[in-house]
Amino acid sequence: MTTRDLNALLGSRICHDLISPLGAIGNGIELLTLSGINAAPEIALISESVENASVRIRFFRIAFGAASATEMIGAQECKALMADLSRGGRLNYRWLASSDMPRREVKLAYLLLLCLETALPYGGEVTVAHQDDRWSINSRADRMRIESDLWALLVDPSANTDVTAANVHFALVGPAASLAGSRVSCDLSEGEIKIGF
């Protein structure tokens, strides 16, 4: 087993272990609401925070978790997760892929979405499509923050770039692309980023 496999399993384990307590907190909030104290602003804040954390954990479980060669992910699951992410964040996601996809490819797509989140801290529109065995992830925003050395890692994983915990997803794209049997292409322009694999 490689270090890469162990890291992915570690990601899966952490996400798996966090989902249960988050679910328990959500159930507790629901019980408090049923008892008649749902108008309290504290309850609304806790409920919203738990919901946002649960969505992020579900997303991270695929982006950072293990993905076997035979696993598939349903299109409806991806669409629902993108809708949930759109509700809780600054970006509006549209998932246009309509068929079930290999988990390794979806993992790569999710890592690339994290890269776009980094580049679009002020919000924007992101569209994910799949046609003729080719993925396209396009984004538009009025304001972007592009760190070119990080984006260089997408097309050249061997680039000598310092990576921190906040942008580790850029370094994970290369290994994920290799596992998915893909090469990532990237076109950065003012107000728009186009990624394909």
N, C-alpha and C. Protein backbone atom coordinates (compact mmCIF):
# COMPACT_ATOMS: atom_id res chain seq x y z
N MET A 1 0.83 -1.18 0.00
CA MET A 1 0.00 0.00 0.00
C MET A 1 0.88 1.25 0.00
N THR A 2 0.57 2.19 -0.90
CA THR A 2 1.39 3.38 -1.02
C THR A 2 0.96 4.44 0.00
N THR A 3 1.83 5.44 0.17
CA THR A 3 1.50 6.56 1.05
C THR A 3 0.26 7.26 0.57
N ARG A 4 0.10 7.36 -0.76
CA ARG A 4 -1.08 8.01 -1.34
C ARG A 4 -2.35 7.27 -0.94
N ASP A 5 -2.30 5.91 -0.99
CA ASP A 5 -3.46 5.12 -0.58
C ASP A 5 -3.78 5.32 0.89
N LEU A 6 -2.75 5.34 1.72
CA LEU A 6 -2.95 5.53 3.15
C LEU A 6 -3.54 6.90 3.45
N ASN A 7 -3.06 7.92 2.76
CA ASN A 7 -3.60 9.27 2.97
C ASN A 7 -5.07 9.34 2.60
N ALA A 8 -5.45 8.69 1.49
CA ALA A 8 -6.85 8.68 1.07
C ALA A 8 -7.71 7.93 2.08
N LEU A 9 -7.20 6.81 2.58
CA LEU A 9 -7.94 6.05 3.60
C LEU A 9 -8.09 6.87 4.88
N LEU A 10 -7.04 7.62 5.23
CA LEU A 10 -7.11 8.49 6.40
C LEU A 10 -8.20 9.55 6.21
N GLY A 11 -8.24 10.14 5.02
CA GLY A 11 -9.29 11.12 4.72
C GLY A 11 -10.67 10.52 4.85
N SER A 12 -10.84 9.31 4.32
CA SER A 12 -12.13 8.62 4.42
C SER A 12 -12.50 8.38 5.87
N ARG A 13 -11.53 7.93 6.66
CA ARG A 13 -11.80 7.60 8.07
C ARG A 13 -12.20 8.85 8.86
N ILE A 14 -11.48 9.94 8.67
CA ILE A 14 -11.80 11.17 9.40
C ILE A 14 -13.21 11.64 9.05
N CYS A 15 -13.53 11.66 7.76
CA CYS A 15 -14.86 12.11 7.34
C CYS A 15 -15.94 11.18 7.88
N HIS A 16 -15.69 9.87 7.83
CA HIS A 16 -16.65 8.89 8.34
C HIS A 16 -16.92 9.12 9.82
N ASP A 17 -15.85 9.35 10.59
CA ASP A 17 -16.01 9.52 12.03
C ASP A 17 -16.65 10.85 12.41
N LEU A 18 -16.54 11.86 11.56
CA LEU A 18 -17.15 13.15 11.86
C LEU A 18 -18.63 13.22 11.48
N ILE A 19 -19.04 12.40 10.52
CA ILE A 19 -20.43 12.43 10.07
C ILE A 19 -21.39 12.05 11.20
N SER A 20 -21.04 11.03 11.99
CA SER A 20 -21.94 10.56 13.05
C SER A 20 -22.22 11.61 14.12
N PRO A 21 -21.18 12.25 14.71
CA PRO A 21 -21.50 13.28 15.71
C PRO A 21 -22.23 14.48 15.12
N LEU A 22 -21.93 14.84 13.88
CA LEU A 22 -22.67 15.93 13.26
C LEU A 22 -24.14 15.56 13.09
N GLY A 23 -24.39 14.31 12.71
CA GLY A 23 -25.77 13.83 12.59
C GLY A 23 -26.47 13.86 13.93
N ALA A 24 -25.76 13.49 15.00
CA ALA A 24 -26.34 13.50 16.34
C ALA A 24 -26.70 14.92 16.77
N ILE A 25 -25.83 15.88 16.47
CA ILE A 25 -26.12 17.28 16.80
C ILE A 25 -27.36 17.74 16.04
N GLY A 26 -27.41 17.38 14.75
CA GLY A 26 -28.58 17.73 13.94
C GLY A 26 -29.86 17.14 14.51
N ASN A 27 -29.80 15.88 14.97
CA ASN A 27 -30.97 15.25 15.58
C ASN A 27 -31.36 15.95 16.87
N GLY A 28 -30.35 16.35 17.65
CA GLY A 28 -30.63 17.08 18.88
C GLY A 28 -31.32 18.41 18.62
N ILE A 29 -30.88 19.12 17.58
CA ILE A 29 -31.50 20.39 17.20
C ILE A 29 -32.95 20.15 16.79
N GLU A 30 -33.18 19.07 16.05
CA GLU A 30 -34.53 18.75 15.62
C GLU A 30 -35.45 18.48 16.83
N LEU A 31 -34.92 17.76 17.82
CA LEU A 31 -35.70 17.50 19.03
C LEU A 31 -35.99 18.79 19.79
N LEU A 32 -35.01 19.68 19.87
CA LEU A 32 -35.24 20.97 20.53
C LEU A 32 -36.30 21.77 19.79
N THR A 33 -36.27 21.71 18.48
CA THR A 33 -37.25 22.42 17.66
C THR A 33 -38.66 21.87 17.92
N LEU A 34 -38.77 20.54 17.99
CA LEU A 34 -40.07 19.92 18.25
C LEU A 34 -40.60 20.27 19.64
N SER A 35 -39.70 20.59 20.56
CA SER A 35 -40.14 20.95 21.91
C SER A 35 -40.59 22.41 22.01
N GLY A 36 -40.49 23.14 20.90
CA GLY A 36 -41.06 24.48 20.87
C GLY A 36 -40.08 25.63 21.02
N ILE A 37 -38.79 25.39 20.97
CA ILE A 37 -37.85 26.51 21.11
C ILE A 37 -37.14 26.83 19.80
N ASN A 38 -37.83 26.53 18.70
CA ASN A 38 -37.20 26.74 17.39
C ASN A 38 -37.04 28.21 17.02
N ALA A 39 -37.69 29.12 17.74
CA ALA A 39 -37.57 30.53 17.39
C ALA A 39 -36.28 31.16 17.91
N ALA A 40 -35.57 30.47 18.77
CA ALA A 40 -34.35 31.03 19.34
C ALA A 40 -33.29 31.20 18.25
N PRO A 41 -32.67 32.40 18.15
CA PRO A 41 -31.65 32.60 17.11
C PRO A 41 -30.44 31.68 17.29
N GLU A 42 -30.17 31.29 18.54
CA GLU A 42 -29.04 30.37 18.78
C GLU A 42 -29.28 29.02 18.11
N ILE A 43 -30.53 28.55 18.17
CA ILE A 43 -30.88 27.26 17.56
C ILE A 43 -30.71 27.34 16.05
N ALA A 44 -31.16 28.44 15.46
CA ALA A 44 -31.03 28.62 14.01
C ALA A 44 -29.57 28.64 13.60
N LEU A 45 -28.74 29.32 14.38
CA LEU A 45 -27.31 29.40 14.07
C LEU A 45 -26.65 28.02 14.15
N ILE A 46 -26.96 27.28 15.21
CA ILE A 46 -26.39 25.93 15.37
C ILE A 46 -26.86 25.03 14.24
N SER A 47 -28.15 25.10 13.93
CA SER A 47 -28.71 24.26 12.87
C SER A 47 -28.05 24.53 11.53
N GLU A 48 -27.90 25.81 11.20
CA GLU A 48 -27.26 26.18 9.93
C GLU A 48 -25.80 25.74 9.90
N SER A 49 -25.11 25.89 11.00
CA SER A 49 -23.70 25.50 11.07
C SER A 49 -23.53 24.00 10.92
N VAL A 50 -24.39 23.23 11.56
CA VAL A 50 -24.33 21.76 11.45
C VAL A 50 -24.62 21.33 10.02
N GLU A 51 -25.61 21.96 9.40
CA GLU A 51 -25.95 21.61 8.02
C GLU A 51 -24.78 21.91 7.07
N ASN A 52 -24.17 23.09 7.23
CA ASN A 52 -23.02 23.45 6.38
C ASN A 52 -21.84 22.51 6.60
N ALA A 53 -21.58 22.16 7.87
CA ALA A 53 -20.47 21.24 8.17
C ALA A 53 -20.73 19.86 7.57
N SER A 54 -21.97 19.39 7.65
CA SER A 54 -22.31 18.08 7.09
C SER A 54 -22.10 18.04 5.58
N VAL A 55 -22.49 19.13 4.92
CA VAL A 55 -22.32 19.21 3.46
C VAL A 55 -20.83 19.18 3.12
N ARG A 56 -20.02 19.96 3.84
CA ARG A 56 -18.58 20.00 3.56
C ARG A 56 -17.94 18.63 3.81
N ILE A 57 -18.35 17.96 4.87
CA ILE A 57 -17.79 16.63 5.16
C ILE A 57 -18.14 15.65 4.05
N ARG A 58 -19.38 15.68 3.56
CA ARG A 58 -19.77 14.80 2.45
C ARG A 58 -18.92 15.09 1.21
N PHE A 59 -18.67 16.37 0.97
CA PHE A 59 -17.85 16.78 -0.17
C PHE A 59 -16.40 16.32 0.02
N PHE A 60 -15.84 16.57 1.21
CA PHE A 60 -14.46 16.18 1.50
C PHE A 60 -14.27 14.68 1.45
N ARG A 61 -15.29 13.93 1.83
CA ARG A 61 -15.18 12.47 1.85
C ARG A 61 -14.86 11.94 0.45
N ILE A 62 -15.43 12.58 -0.56
CA ILE A 62 -15.15 12.17 -1.94
C ILE A 62 -13.85 12.80 -2.42
N ALA A 63 -13.65 14.08 -2.15
CA ALA A 63 -12.46 14.79 -2.65
C ALA A 63 -11.17 14.23 -2.06
N PHE A 64 -11.18 13.91 -0.76
CA PHE A 64 -9.95 13.49 -0.08
C PHE A 64 -9.93 12.01 0.27
N GLY A 65 -11.04 11.32 0.08
CA GLY A 65 -11.14 9.92 0.50
C GLY A 65 -10.65 8.94 -0.54
N ALA A 66 -10.70 7.67 -0.16
CA ALA A 66 -10.27 6.59 -1.04
C ALA A 66 -11.30 6.38 -2.15
N ALA A 67 -10.81 5.99 -3.32
CA ALA A 67 -11.69 5.73 -4.47
C ALA A 67 -11.15 4.53 -5.24
N SER A 68 -11.89 3.44 -5.22
CA SER A 68 -11.43 2.25 -5.94
C SER A 68 -11.74 2.39 -7.43
N ALA A 69 -11.14 1.52 -8.21
CA ALA A 69 -11.29 1.59 -9.67
C ALA A 69 -12.71 1.23 -10.12
N THR A 70 -13.47 0.51 -9.29
CA THR A 70 -14.79 0.04 -9.71
C THR A 70 -15.95 0.83 -9.13
N GLU A 71 -15.70 1.71 -8.17
CA GLU A 71 -16.77 2.46 -7.52
C GLU A 71 -17.36 3.50 -8.46
N MET A 72 -18.68 3.66 -8.36
CA MET A 72 -19.39 4.67 -9.14
C MET A 72 -20.13 5.60 -8.19
N ILE A 73 -20.41 6.81 -8.67
CA ILE A 73 -21.21 7.77 -7.91
C ILE A 73 -22.35 8.22 -8.80
N GLY A 74 -23.55 8.25 -8.23
CA GLY A 74 -24.73 8.63 -8.99
C GLY A 74 -24.78 10.11 -9.31
N ALA A 75 -25.32 10.43 -10.48
CA ALA A 75 -25.44 11.83 -10.89
C ALA A 75 -26.34 12.61 -9.95
N GLN A 76 -27.41 11.97 -9.48
CA GLN A 76 -28.34 12.67 -8.57
C GLN A 76 -27.67 13.03 -7.25
N GLU A 77 -26.82 12.13 -6.76
CA GLU A 77 -26.08 12.42 -5.52
C GLU A 77 -25.18 13.64 -5.71
N CYS A 78 -24.50 13.70 -6.85
CA CYS A 78 -23.62 14.84 -7.13
C CYS A 78 -24.42 16.12 -7.29
N LYS A 79 -25.54 16.06 -8.01
CA LYS A 79 -26.37 17.26 -8.18
C LYS A 79 -26.90 17.77 -6.85
N ALA A 80 -27.33 16.85 -5.99
CA ALA A 80 -27.86 17.25 -4.69
C ALA A 80 -26.76 17.90 -3.84
N LEU A 81 -25.56 17.32 -3.88
CA LEU A 81 -24.46 17.89 -3.10
C LEU A 81 -24.09 19.27 -3.62
N MET A 82 -24.08 19.45 -4.94
CA MET A 82 -23.77 20.77 -5.50
C MET A 82 -24.83 21.80 -5.11
N ALA A 83 -26.09 21.37 -5.07
CA ALA A 83 -27.16 22.29 -4.65
C ALA A 83 -26.97 22.68 -3.19
N ASP A 84 -26.60 21.71 -2.36
CA ASP A 84 -26.35 22.00 -0.93
C ASP A 84 -25.15 22.93 -0.76
N LEU A 85 -24.10 22.72 -1.53
CA LEU A 85 -22.93 23.60 -1.46
C LEU A 85 -23.29 25.01 -1.89
N SER A 86 -24.12 25.13 -2.90
CA SER A 86 -24.53 26.45 -3.39
C SER A 86 -25.30 27.22 -2.32
N ARG A 87 -26.13 26.51 -1.55
CA ARG A 87 -26.91 27.17 -0.50
C ARG A 87 -26.04 27.70 0.62
N GLY A 88 -24.94 26.98 0.92
CA GLY A 88 -24.13 27.36 2.07
C GLY A 88 -22.89 28.18 1.76
N GLY A 89 -22.67 28.53 0.50
CA GLY A 89 -21.42 29.20 0.16
C GLY A 89 -21.58 30.37 -0.79
N ARG A 90 -20.45 30.92 -1.22
CA ARG A 90 -20.44 32.07 -2.11
C ARG A 90 -20.53 31.67 -3.58
N LEU A 91 -20.26 30.41 -3.88
CA LEU A 91 -20.28 29.96 -5.27
C LEU A 91 -21.60 29.27 -5.61
N ASN A 92 -22.03 29.46 -6.85
CA ASN A 92 -23.22 28.78 -7.34
C ASN A 92 -22.77 27.67 -8.29
N TYR A 93 -23.02 26.41 -7.90
CA TYR A 93 -22.58 25.25 -8.68
C TYR A 93 -23.73 24.71 -9.52
N ARG A 94 -23.39 24.34 -10.75
CA ARG A 94 -24.35 23.64 -11.63
C ARG A 94 -23.68 22.35 -12.10
N TRP A 95 -24.25 21.21 -11.72
CA TRP A 95 -23.71 19.90 -12.10
C TRP A 95 -24.55 19.40 -13.27
N LEU A 96 -23.98 19.40 -14.47
CA LEU A 96 -24.73 19.03 -15.67
C LEU A 96 -24.48 17.59 -16.11
N ALA A 97 -23.52 16.91 -15.50
CA ALA A 97 -23.27 15.51 -15.85
C ALA A 97 -24.50 14.70 -15.44
N SER A 98 -25.06 13.95 -16.38
CA SER A 98 -26.35 13.32 -16.13
C SER A 98 -26.29 11.81 -15.90
N SER A 99 -25.11 11.23 -15.99
CA SER A 99 -25.01 9.78 -15.78
C SER A 99 -24.11 9.49 -14.59
N ASP A 100 -24.18 8.26 -14.11
CA ASP A 100 -23.30 7.85 -13.02
C ASP A 100 -21.86 7.86 -13.52
N MET A 101 -20.93 8.23 -12.62
CA MET A 101 -19.53 8.40 -13.00
C MET A 101 -18.62 7.61 -12.09
N PRO A 102 -17.45 7.20 -12.61
CA PRO A 102 -16.47 6.54 -11.75
C PRO A 102 -16.07 7.48 -10.61
N ARG A 103 -16.00 6.93 -9.40
CA ARG A 103 -15.67 7.74 -8.22
C ARG A 103 -14.33 8.44 -8.38
N ARG A 104 -13.36 7.80 -9.05
CA ARG A 104 -12.04 8.42 -9.23
C ARG A 104 -12.15 9.69 -10.05
N GLU A 105 -13.03 9.69 -11.05
CA GLU A 105 -13.20 10.89 -11.86
C GLU A 105 -13.92 11.99 -11.08
N VAL A 106 -14.92 11.60 -10.29
CA VAL A 106 -15.64 12.58 -9.48
C VAL A 106 -14.71 13.16 -8.42
N LYS A 107 -13.85 12.32 -7.84
CA LYS A 107 -12.86 12.79 -6.86
C LYS A 107 -11.99 13.88 -7.49
N LEU A 108 -11.51 13.64 -8.70
CA LEU A 108 -10.69 14.63 -9.40
C LEU A 108 -11.49 15.91 -9.65
N ALA A 109 -12.73 15.76 -10.08
CA ALA A 109 -13.58 16.93 -10.32
C ALA A 109 -13.76 17.74 -9.04
N TYR A 110 -13.97 17.06 -7.92
CA TYR A 110 -14.16 17.76 -6.63
C TYR A 110 -12.89 18.47 -6.19
N LEU A 111 -11.73 17.87 -6.41
CA LEU A 111 -10.48 18.54 -6.07
C LEU A 111 -10.32 19.80 -6.91
N LEU A 112 -10.70 19.71 -8.17
CA LEU A 112 -10.62 20.88 -9.05
C LEU A 112 -11.61 21.96 -8.61
N LEU A 113 -12.77 21.55 -8.09
CA LEU A 113 -13.72 22.52 -7.56
C LEU A 113 -13.13 23.25 -6.35
N LEU A 114 -12.36 22.53 -5.54
CA LEU A 114 -11.68 23.18 -4.41
C LEU A 114 -10.67 24.21 -4.91
N CYS A 115 -9.99 23.90 -6.01
CA CYS A 115 -9.06 24.87 -6.59
C CYS A 115 -9.81 26.12 -7.03
N LEU A 116 -10.98 25.93 -7.62
CA LEU A 116 -11.78 27.08 -8.03
C LEU A 116 -12.28 27.88 -6.83
N GLU A 117 -12.63 27.20 -5.75
CA GLU A 117 -13.03 27.91 -4.53
C GLU A 117 -11.92 28.85 -4.06
N THR A 118 -10.68 28.37 -4.16
CA THR A 118 -9.53 29.18 -3.76
C THR A 118 -9.39 30.41 -4.65
N ALA A 119 -9.66 30.23 -5.93
CA ALA A 119 -9.48 31.32 -6.89
C ALA A 119 -10.66 32.29 -6.90
N LEU A 120 -11.81 31.87 -6.38
CA LEU A 120 -13.01 32.71 -6.42
C LEU A 120 -13.51 32.98 -5.00
N PRO A 121 -12.71 33.65 -4.16
CA PRO A 121 -13.12 33.85 -2.77
C PRO A 121 -14.28 34.83 -2.61
N TYR A 122 -14.60 35.58 -3.67
CA TYR A 122 -15.67 36.57 -3.59
C TYR A 122 -16.97 36.09 -4.22
N GLY A 123 -16.96 34.83 -4.68
CA GLY A 123 -18.15 34.26 -5.29
C GLY A 123 -18.03 34.13 -6.79
N GLY A 124 -18.98 33.44 -7.39
CA GLY A 124 -18.98 33.23 -8.83
C GLY A 124 -19.87 32.07 -9.22
N GLU A 125 -19.81 31.74 -10.49
CA GLU A 125 -20.61 30.65 -11.06
C GLU A 125 -19.67 29.55 -11.53
N VAL A 126 -20.01 28.29 -11.21
CA VAL A 126 -19.20 27.14 -11.62
C VAL A 126 -20.11 26.11 -12.27
N THR A 127 -19.73 25.65 -13.45
CA THR A 127 -20.50 24.64 -14.18
C THR A 127 -19.63 23.42 -14.42
N VAL A 128 -20.18 22.25 -14.10
CA VAL A 128 -19.47 20.98 -14.30
C VAL A 128 -20.25 20.16 -15.32
N ALA A 129 -19.59 19.79 -16.42
CA ALA A 129 -20.25 19.02 -17.47
C ALA A 129 -19.38 17.84 -17.87
N HIS A 130 -20.02 16.82 -18.43
CA HIS A 130 -19.31 15.64 -18.92
C HIS A 130 -19.96 15.22 -20.23
N GLN A 131 -19.14 15.15 -21.28
CA GLN A 131 -19.65 14.76 -22.58
C GLN A 131 -18.55 14.10 -23.38
N ASP A 132 -18.89 13.00 -24.03
CA ASP A 132 -17.92 12.26 -24.86
C ASP A 132 -16.66 11.91 -24.07
N ASP A 133 -16.83 11.40 -22.85
CA ASP A 133 -15.73 10.98 -21.98
C ASP A 133 -14.78 12.12 -21.62
N ARG A 134 -15.26 13.34 -21.69
CA ARG A 134 -14.44 14.51 -21.36
C ARG A 134 -15.18 15.39 -20.37
N TRP A 135 -14.49 15.76 -19.30
CA TRP A 135 -15.04 16.64 -18.28
C TRP A 135 -14.65 18.08 -18.61
N SER A 136 -15.57 19.01 -18.39
CA SER A 136 -15.25 20.43 -18.48
C SER A 136 -15.83 21.12 -17.25
N ILE A 137 -14.97 21.89 -16.59
CA ILE A 137 -15.37 22.63 -15.40
C ILE A 137 -15.04 24.10 -15.68
N ASN A 138 -16.08 24.89 -15.82
CA ASN A 138 -15.91 26.30 -16.19
C ASN A 138 -16.43 27.20 -15.07
N SER A 139 -15.73 28.28 -14.85
CA SER A 139 -16.15 29.22 -13.82
C SER A 139 -16.06 30.65 -14.34
N ARG A 140 -16.94 31.48 -13.79
CA ARG A 140 -16.95 32.90 -14.11
C ARG A 140 -17.10 33.69 -12.81
N ALA A 141 -16.38 34.79 -12.73
CA ALA A 141 -16.48 35.66 -11.56
C ALA A 141 -15.98 37.05 -11.92
N ASP A 142 -16.53 38.05 -11.25
CA ASP A 142 -16.07 39.42 -11.48
C ASP A 142 -14.68 39.64 -10.91
N ARG A 143 -14.40 39.00 -9.77
CA ARG A 143 -13.10 39.15 -9.12
C ARG A 143 -12.52 37.78 -8.85
N MET A 144 -11.23 37.62 -9.14
CA MET A 144 -10.54 36.35 -8.91
C MET A 144 -9.22 36.60 -8.21
N ARG A 145 -8.72 35.56 -7.58
CA ARG A 145 -7.39 35.62 -6.96
C ARG A 145 -6.62 34.38 -7.45
N ILE A 146 -5.80 34.60 -8.46
CA ILE A 146 -5.07 33.50 -9.09
C ILE A 146 -3.63 33.49 -8.57
N GLU A 147 -3.23 32.38 -8.00
CA GLU A 147 -1.84 32.17 -7.61
C GLU A 147 -1.24 31.22 -8.65
N SER A 148 -0.52 31.79 -9.60
CA SER A 148 -0.08 31.04 -10.78
C SER A 148 0.79 29.85 -10.44
N ASP A 149 1.61 29.94 -9.37
CA ASP A 149 2.45 28.79 -9.04
C ASP A 149 1.62 27.59 -8.59
N LEU A 150 0.51 27.85 -7.91
CA LEU A 150 -0.37 26.76 -7.51
C LEU A 150 -1.07 26.16 -8.73
N TRP A 151 -1.54 27.01 -9.61
CA TRP A 151 -2.25 26.51 -10.80
C TRP A 151 -1.31 25.75 -11.73
N ALA A 152 -0.02 26.06 -11.67
CA ALA A 152 0.94 25.31 -12.48
C ALA A 152 0.97 23.83 -12.08
N LEU A 153 0.66 23.55 -10.81
CA LEU A 153 0.65 22.15 -10.34
C LEU A 153 -0.40 21.30 -11.05
N LEU A 154 -1.45 21.92 -11.55
CA LEU A 154 -2.51 21.15 -12.20
C LEU A 154 -2.04 20.49 -13.49
N VAL A 155 -1.21 21.19 -14.23
CA VAL A 155 -0.74 20.64 -15.50
C VAL A 155 0.65 20.03 -15.38
N ASP A 156 1.39 20.40 -14.32
CA ASP A 156 2.72 19.84 -14.09
C ASP A 156 2.88 19.53 -12.60
N PRO A 157 2.43 18.34 -12.17
CA PRO A 157 2.49 17.99 -10.74
C PRO A 157 3.90 17.99 -10.16
N SER A 158 4.92 17.97 -11.00
CA SER A 158 6.29 17.97 -10.50
C SER A 158 6.84 19.38 -10.29
N ALA A 159 6.01 20.41 -10.57
CA ALA A 159 6.45 21.80 -10.39
C ALA A 159 6.88 22.03 -8.95
N ASN A 160 7.93 22.81 -8.79
CA ASN A 160 8.49 23.08 -7.46
C ASN A 160 7.70 24.22 -6.82
N THR A 161 6.63 23.85 -6.12
CA THR A 161 5.73 24.83 -5.52
C THR A 161 5.49 24.47 -4.06
N ASP A 162 5.62 25.45 -3.18
CA ASP A 162 5.30 25.23 -1.78
C ASP A 162 3.79 25.18 -1.60
N VAL A 163 3.35 24.17 -0.87
CA VAL A 163 1.92 23.98 -0.65
C VAL A 163 1.65 23.98 0.85
N THR A 164 0.59 24.67 1.25
CA THR A 164 0.19 24.70 2.65
C THR A 164 -1.08 23.88 2.83
N ALA A 165 -1.52 23.74 4.08
CA ALA A 165 -2.75 23.00 4.35
C ALA A 165 -3.94 23.66 3.65
N ALA A 166 -3.92 24.98 3.54
CA ALA A 166 -5.04 25.71 2.94
C ALA A 166 -5.17 25.45 1.44
N ASN A 167 -4.08 25.06 0.79
CA ASN A 167 -4.16 24.82 -0.66
C ASN A 167 -3.62 23.45 -1.06
N VAL A 168 -3.70 22.48 -0.16
CA VAL A 168 -3.20 21.14 -0.44
C VAL A 168 -3.91 20.48 -1.62
N HIS A 169 -5.14 20.88 -1.89
CA HIS A 169 -5.90 20.30 -2.99
C HIS A 169 -5.19 20.48 -4.34
N PHE A 170 -4.44 21.57 -4.49
CA PHE A 170 -3.69 21.75 -5.74
C PHE A 170 -2.66 20.63 -5.93
N ALA A 171 -2.00 20.23 -4.85
CA ALA A 171 -0.99 19.17 -4.93
C ALA A 171 -1.62 17.80 -5.11
N LEU A 172 -2.88 17.64 -4.72
CA LEU A 172 -3.55 16.34 -4.82
C LEU A 172 -4.16 16.09 -6.20
N VAL A 173 -4.28 17.14 -7.01
CA VAL A 173 -4.87 16.99 -8.34
C VAL A 173 -4.04 16.05 -9.22
N GLY A 174 -2.72 16.20 -9.23
CA GLY A 174 -1.86 15.36 -10.07
C GLY A 174 -2.02 13.88 -9.77
N PRO A 175 -1.86 13.46 -8.51
CA PRO A 175 -2.05 12.04 -8.20
C PRO A 175 -3.47 11.54 -8.51
N ALA A 176 -4.48 12.38 -8.27
CA ALA A 176 -5.86 11.97 -8.56
C ALA A 176 -6.07 11.82 -10.07
N ALA A 177 -5.46 12.71 -10.85
CA ALA A 177 -5.56 12.61 -12.30
C ALA A 177 -4.89 11.34 -12.80
N SER A 178 -3.75 11.02 -12.21
CA SER A 178 -3.04 9.79 -12.58
C SER A 178 -3.90 8.56 -12.31
N LEU A 179 -4.54 8.52 -11.13
CA LEU A 179 -5.40 7.39 -10.78
C LEU A 179 -6.60 7.29 -11.72
N ALA A 180 -7.12 8.44 -12.14
CA ALA A 180 -8.27 8.45 -13.03
C ALA A 180 -7.87 8.24 -14.49
N GLY A 181 -6.57 8.17 -14.77
CA GLY A 181 -6.10 7.99 -16.15
C GLY A 181 -6.34 9.23 -16.99
N SER A 182 -6.21 10.41 -16.38
CA SER A 182 -6.53 11.66 -17.08
C SER A 182 -5.37 12.64 -17.01
N ARG A 183 -5.41 13.62 -17.90
CA ARG A 183 -4.51 14.76 -17.87
C ARG A 183 -5.35 16.01 -17.77
N VAL A 184 -4.96 16.91 -16.90
CA VAL A 184 -5.73 18.13 -16.67
C VAL A 184 -5.21 19.24 -17.57
N SER A 185 -6.13 19.96 -18.19
CA SER A 185 -5.78 21.17 -18.95
C SER A 185 -6.47 22.35 -18.26
N CYS A 186 -5.86 23.50 -18.39
CA CYS A 186 -6.37 24.66 -17.66
C CYS A 186 -6.15 25.92 -18.48
N ASP A 187 -7.19 26.73 -18.59
CA ASP A 187 -7.10 28.00 -19.31
C ASP A 187 -7.58 29.10 -18.37
N LEU A 188 -6.65 29.97 -17.96
CA LEU A 188 -6.95 31.05 -17.05
C LEU A 188 -7.04 32.36 -17.84
N SER A 189 -8.15 33.05 -17.70
CA SER A 189 -8.27 34.37 -18.32
C SER A 189 -9.03 35.27 -17.37
N GLU A 190 -9.06 36.54 -17.66
CA GLU A 190 -9.71 37.49 -16.76
C GLU A 190 -11.20 37.21 -16.68
N GLY A 191 -11.65 36.90 -15.48
CA GLY A 191 -13.07 36.64 -15.25
C GLY A 191 -13.53 35.23 -15.56
N GLU A 192 -12.62 34.36 -16.03
CA GLU A 192 -13.05 33.01 -16.41
C GLU A 192 -11.90 32.02 -16.26
N ILE A 193 -12.24 30.84 -15.77
CA ILE A 193 -11.29 29.73 -15.69
C ILE A 193 -11.96 28.52 -16.33
N LYS A 194 -11.26 27.88 -17.27
CA LYS A 194 -11.77 26.67 -17.92
C LYS A 194 -10.81 25.53 -17.63
N ILE A 195 -11.35 24.45 -17.09
CA ILE A 195 -10.54 23.27 -16.76
C ILE A 195 -11.14 22.08 -17.46
N GLY A 196 -10.29 21.21 -18.00
CA GLY A 196 -10.76 20.00 -18.66
C GLY A 196 -9.90 18.81 -18.27
N PHE A 197 -10.46 17.64 -18.36
CA PHE A 197 -9.70 16.40 -18.19
C PHE A 197 -10.45 15.23 -18.82
